[in-house]
Each structure stands twice: as C-alpha cells, then as structure tokens.
Amino acid sequence: MPALDKDLRKALLALPAAKKDKLLVQLLATQPVLQDQLRFELLEGPSALEERREALRTQVQTLSRGFYYNATELLTGLRQMCPPLSYHVKVTGDVYGEVSLLLLLLQEVLKHQQEMLSSLSGATEALALFLAKRAQELVQKLQKLHEDLHVEFSEAVNEVLPRLHASAAGYSARKLGVPVQWQG
C-alpha cells in the first residue's frame, strides 16, 4: 500500500476530531478485515486469542476425524480449513497459533486418515501433495519463530515428519525438500 502524501497527512491531522471520526468510520465500513483486526485489538484483546485458537483446534479435529469416502473428499475438507487459519493470522497476527494449528492438522490427518495415505495413487496424489506443502509451510514458519519456541514444537514436529515421509505424502515431501527430522 502506498504511503500517504506528506501534505495530505498534515491536512488530515489538522482536521477537527469530529470530521476525523466520521472519515475513519466511513473508511472502516468498506474494510471488513480491518474491522475484525480492530475488534480483536480494541474489544477482545489478547485474552480472546486462546478462545479463537481453541475454536480452530476443534474445527481441525472434527474435520480430520470425520469419515470420508475418498481422498478427494478429505482434500476438499482440508482445503476449506485453510482460509480460516489464514484469516486468524491476518486478524490476530498469531504466528505461534498458526504453527500449532498447522502441526495439529498434520498430526490429526496422519493419525485418523491413515488408510487414505497408505499408498500413493492417482486418487491420493493431490491429498499427498497438499499435506507435503502444509509440512513445508510448517517448517518455514517454525524457522521464523523465536528460537526459544523451537523447543516447544521440536518433539511433535519430529514425530510428524517421519510419519509424513512414511505415508503417501513422502514422495511429494521429498520433492519439496521437507526434512525427515527438523533441527530447531
């Protein structure tokens, strides 16, 4: 987004408070993401962060433990879970929560949908690639977290990655360069 012109910025700051408030409300009316960011920051606060994470955890667990007729149906459900995770981070800036939720998604799918990932075939290829990409994303986001947080995730990540490589997603994971062991 381009920076505000200096002269315009000065003029805006010189406006009376009532006029500024009116302009702010008009701008916010057309920006739902910004509204949610402000709602979180000003009304809910950090105490609501864990509630939001828990709601997403429940969604991930429900989705991954469900019954699916085929890999395509499971993949569709998993793809529907990605936008709420991204939106959560966009609104709250909760990168730690994003990492923990991505890890949970991989753990749950690898645990509860083993039969779908037992062999690589045309039917499971897209699902396998999806999981490998989520694992790649997980490793990349983990690297960006503070080193002290690496300890919290290290054990769980090092349980998930070998299971991923041993599943149908292993081929895609190797192609994407996802490690079998994570060195946090």
Protein backbone atom coordinates (compact mmCIF):
# COMPACT_ATOMS: atom_id res chain seq x y z
CA MET A 1 0.00 0.00 0.00
CA PRO A 2 1.48 3.40 -0.98
CA ALA A 3 2.45 5.83 1.75
CA LEU A 4 0.25 8.80 2.45
CA ASP A 5 1.39 12.04 0.79
CA LYS A 6 3.01 14.40 3.35
CA ASP A 7 0.71 17.32 2.57
CA LEU A 8 -2.41 15.15 2.74
CA ARG A 9 -1.22 13.67 6.02
CA LYS A 10 -0.75 17.15 7.51
CA ALA A 11 -4.18 18.23 6.29
CA LEU A 12 -5.82 15.11 7.75
CA LEU A 13 -4.15 15.60 11.11
CA ALA A 14 -5.29 19.25 11.15
CA LEU A 15 -8.96 18.29 10.71
CA PRO A 16 -11.28 18.65 13.69
CA ALA A 17 -11.76 15.45 15.73
CA ALA A 18 -15.42 15.05 14.69
CA LYS A 19 -14.50 15.17 10.99
CA LYS A 20 -11.64 12.67 11.52
CA ASP A 21 -14.00 10.30 13.35
CA LYS A 22 -16.52 10.49 10.52
CA LEU A 23 -13.84 9.75 7.91
CA LEU A 24 -12.50 6.86 9.98
CA VAL A 25 -15.93 5.27 10.27
CA GLN A 26 -16.52 5.67 6.53
CA LEU A 27 -13.18 4.03 5.72
CA LEU A 28 -13.78 1.15 8.12
CA ALA A 29 -17.21 0.44 6.65
CA THR A 30 -15.56 -0.83 3.47
CA GLN A 31 -12.75 -2.81 5.16
CA PRO A 32 -14.08 -5.97 6.90
CA VAL A 33 -10.61 -7.35 7.66
CA LEU A 34 -9.54 -4.09 9.25
CA GLN A 35 -12.79 -4.07 11.24
CA ASP A 36 -12.01 -7.54 12.58
CA GLN A 37 -8.43 -6.54 13.38
CA LEU A 38 -9.65 -3.53 15.34
CA ARG A 39 -12.40 -5.57 17.03
CA PHE A 40 -9.78 -8.07 18.18
CA GLU A 41 -7.30 -5.43 19.27
CA LEU A 42 -9.68 -2.96 20.90
CA LEU A 43 -12.60 -5.04 22.16
CA GLU A 44 -11.46 -8.63 22.61
CA GLY A 45 -7.80 -8.23 23.43
CA PRO A 46 -5.17 -10.92 23.96
CA SER A 47 -7.43 -12.87 26.33
CA ALA A 48 -9.63 -13.87 23.37
CA LEU A 49 -6.68 -15.28 21.46
CA GLU A 50 -6.81 -18.65 23.20
CA GLU A 51 -10.58 -18.85 22.60
CA ARG A 52 -10.05 -18.25 18.89
CA ARG A 53 -7.29 -20.88 18.78
CA GLU A 54 -9.48 -23.39 20.61
CA ALA A 55 -12.35 -22.86 18.15
CA LEU A 56 -9.97 -23.54 15.26
CA ARG A 57 -8.49 -26.57 17.06
CA THR A 58 -11.97 -28.01 17.41
CA GLN A 59 -12.63 -27.44 13.71
CA VAL A 60 -9.36 -29.12 12.73
CA GLN A 61 -10.04 -32.13 14.96
CA THR A 62 -13.62 -32.53 13.77
CA LEU A 63 -12.55 -32.30 10.16
CA SER A 64 -9.64 -34.71 10.43
CA ARG A 65 -11.57 -37.31 12.42
CA GLY A 66 -14.50 -37.38 10.02
CA PHE A 67 -15.48 -40.19 7.69
CA TYR A 68 -14.60 -39.66 4.04
CA TYR A 69 -15.44 -41.89 1.09
CA ASN A 70 -12.26 -41.00 -0.76
CA ALA A 71 -9.14 -38.84 -0.70
CA THR A 72 -10.75 -36.14 -2.84
CA GLU A 73 -13.50 -35.65 -0.28
CA LEU A 74 -10.93 -35.37 2.54
CA LEU A 75 -8.84 -32.95 0.50
CA THR A 76 -11.88 -30.75 -0.10
CA GLY A 77 -12.49 -30.57 3.63
CA LEU A 78 -8.85 -29.78 4.37
CA ARG A 79 -8.79 -27.05 1.75
CA GLN A 80 -11.83 -25.47 3.39
CA MET A 81 -9.87 -25.32 6.66
CA CYS A 82 -7.00 -23.25 5.23
CA PRO A 83 -8.81 -19.91 4.77
CA PRO A 84 -9.97 -19.73 8.41
CA LEU A 85 -6.40 -20.41 9.57
CA SER A 86 -5.01 -17.69 7.31
CA TYR A 87 -7.74 -15.27 8.34
CA HIS A 88 -6.99 -15.93 12.01
CA VAL A 89 -3.36 -14.91 11.47
CA LYS A 90 -4.34 -11.89 9.39
CA VAL A 91 -6.68 -10.63 12.13
CA THR A 92 -4.65 -11.53 15.22
CA GLY A 93 -1.06 -11.72 13.99
CA ASP A 94 -0.83 -15.03 15.88
CA VAL A 95 2.03 -16.82 14.12
CA TYR A 96 2.56 -19.13 17.11
CA GLY A 97 -1.09 -20.20 16.85
CA GLU A 98 -0.75 -20.73 13.12
CA VAL A 99 2.22 -23.05 13.63
CA SER A 100 0.47 -25.02 16.37
CA LEU A 101 -2.70 -25.35 14.27
CA LEU A 102 -0.79 -26.45 11.16
CA LEU A 103 1.03 -29.02 13.27
CA LEU A 104 -2.26 -30.22 14.73
CA LEU A 105 -3.76 -30.54 11.25
CA LEU A 106 -0.88 -32.74 10.11
CA GLN A 107 -0.91 -34.81 13.31
CA GLU A 108 -4.63 -35.45 13.18
CA VAL A 109 -4.82 -36.30 9.48
CA LEU A 110 -1.83 -38.64 9.67
CA LYS A 111 -3.33 -40.32 12.71
CA HIS A 112 -7.01 -40.60 11.74
CA GLN A 113 -6.82 -40.91 7.96
CA GLN A 114 -4.02 -43.47 7.64
CA GLU A 115 -5.96 -45.64 5.21
CA MET A 116 -6.26 -42.74 2.77
CA LEU A 117 -2.49 -42.25 2.90
CA SER A 118 -1.35 -45.86 2.85
CA SER A 119 -0.35 -45.85 -0.82
CA LEU A 120 0.32 -43.26 -3.47
CA SER A 121 -2.07 -43.47 -6.39
CA GLY A 122 -3.80 -41.10 -8.74
CA ALA A 123 -6.61 -40.75 -6.22
CA THR A 124 -4.33 -39.82 -3.31
CA GLU A 125 -1.72 -37.79 -5.17
CA ALA A 126 -3.41 -34.40 -4.68
CA LEU A 127 -4.02 -35.10 -0.97
CA ALA A 128 -0.40 -36.16 -0.54
CA LEU A 129 0.86 -33.00 -2.24
CA PHE A 130 -1.44 -30.87 -0.07
CA LEU A 131 -0.06 -32.43 3.12
CA ALA A 132 3.54 -32.12 1.93
CA LYS A 133 3.01 -28.42 1.17
CA ARG A 134 1.48 -27.86 4.62
CA ALA A 135 4.52 -29.59 6.15
CA GLN A 136 6.84 -27.38 4.10
CA GLU A 137 4.89 -24.33 5.26
CA LEU A 138 5.10 -25.54 8.86
CA VAL A 139 8.88 -25.91 8.73
CA GLN A 140 9.28 -22.48 7.13
CA LYS A 141 7.09 -20.79 9.72
CA LEU A 142 8.86 -22.61 12.55
CA GLN A 143 12.19 -21.17 11.36
CA LYS A 144 10.74 -17.67 11.69
CA LEU A 145 9.62 -18.17 15.30
CA HIS A 146 11.92 -17.17 18.14
CA GLU A 147 14.48 -19.87 18.97
CA ASP A 148 13.05 -20.34 22.46
CA LEU A 149 9.77 -21.53 20.94
CA HIS A 150 11.52 -24.17 18.83
CA VAL A 151 11.83 -26.36 21.93
CA GLU A 152 8.05 -26.38 22.36
CA PHE A 153 7.46 -27.73 18.87
CA SER A 154 10.55 -29.85 18.32
CA GLU A 155 9.26 -33.16 19.68
CA ALA A 156 5.88 -33.01 17.94
CA VAL A 157 7.37 -31.91 14.63
CA ASN A 158 9.93 -34.70 14.77
CA GLU A 159 7.09 -37.20 15.29
CA VAL A 160 5.03 -35.85 12.39
CA LEU A 161 7.73 -35.50 9.73
CA PRO A 162 8.83 -39.18 9.70
CA ARG A 163 5.17 -40.26 9.62
CA LEU A 164 4.56 -37.91 6.71
CA HIS A 165 7.55 -39.32 4.83
CA ALA A 166 6.37 -42.88 5.52
CA SER A 167 2.92 -42.11 4.08
CA ALA A 168 1.78 -41.50 0.51
CA ALA A 169 2.85 -37.87 1.01
CA GLY A 170 6.50 -38.94 1.33
CA TYR A 171 7.23 -38.64 -2.39
CA SER A 172 5.87 -35.08 -2.55
CA ALA A 173 7.61 -34.17 0.70
CA ARG A 174 10.97 -35.31 -0.67
CA LYS A 175 10.39 -33.36 -3.90
CA LEU A 176 9.60 -30.23 -1.87
CA GLY A 177 12.64 -30.69 0.35
CA VAL A 178 10.72 -31.28 3.56
CA PRO A 179 13.17 -32.76 6.07
CA VAL A 180 12.56 -36.10 7.77
CA GLN A 181 13.92 -34.64 11.00
CA TRP A 182 13.70 -30.98 11.97
CA GLN A 183 16.73 -29.38 13.55
CA GLY A 184 15.22 -26.47 15.51
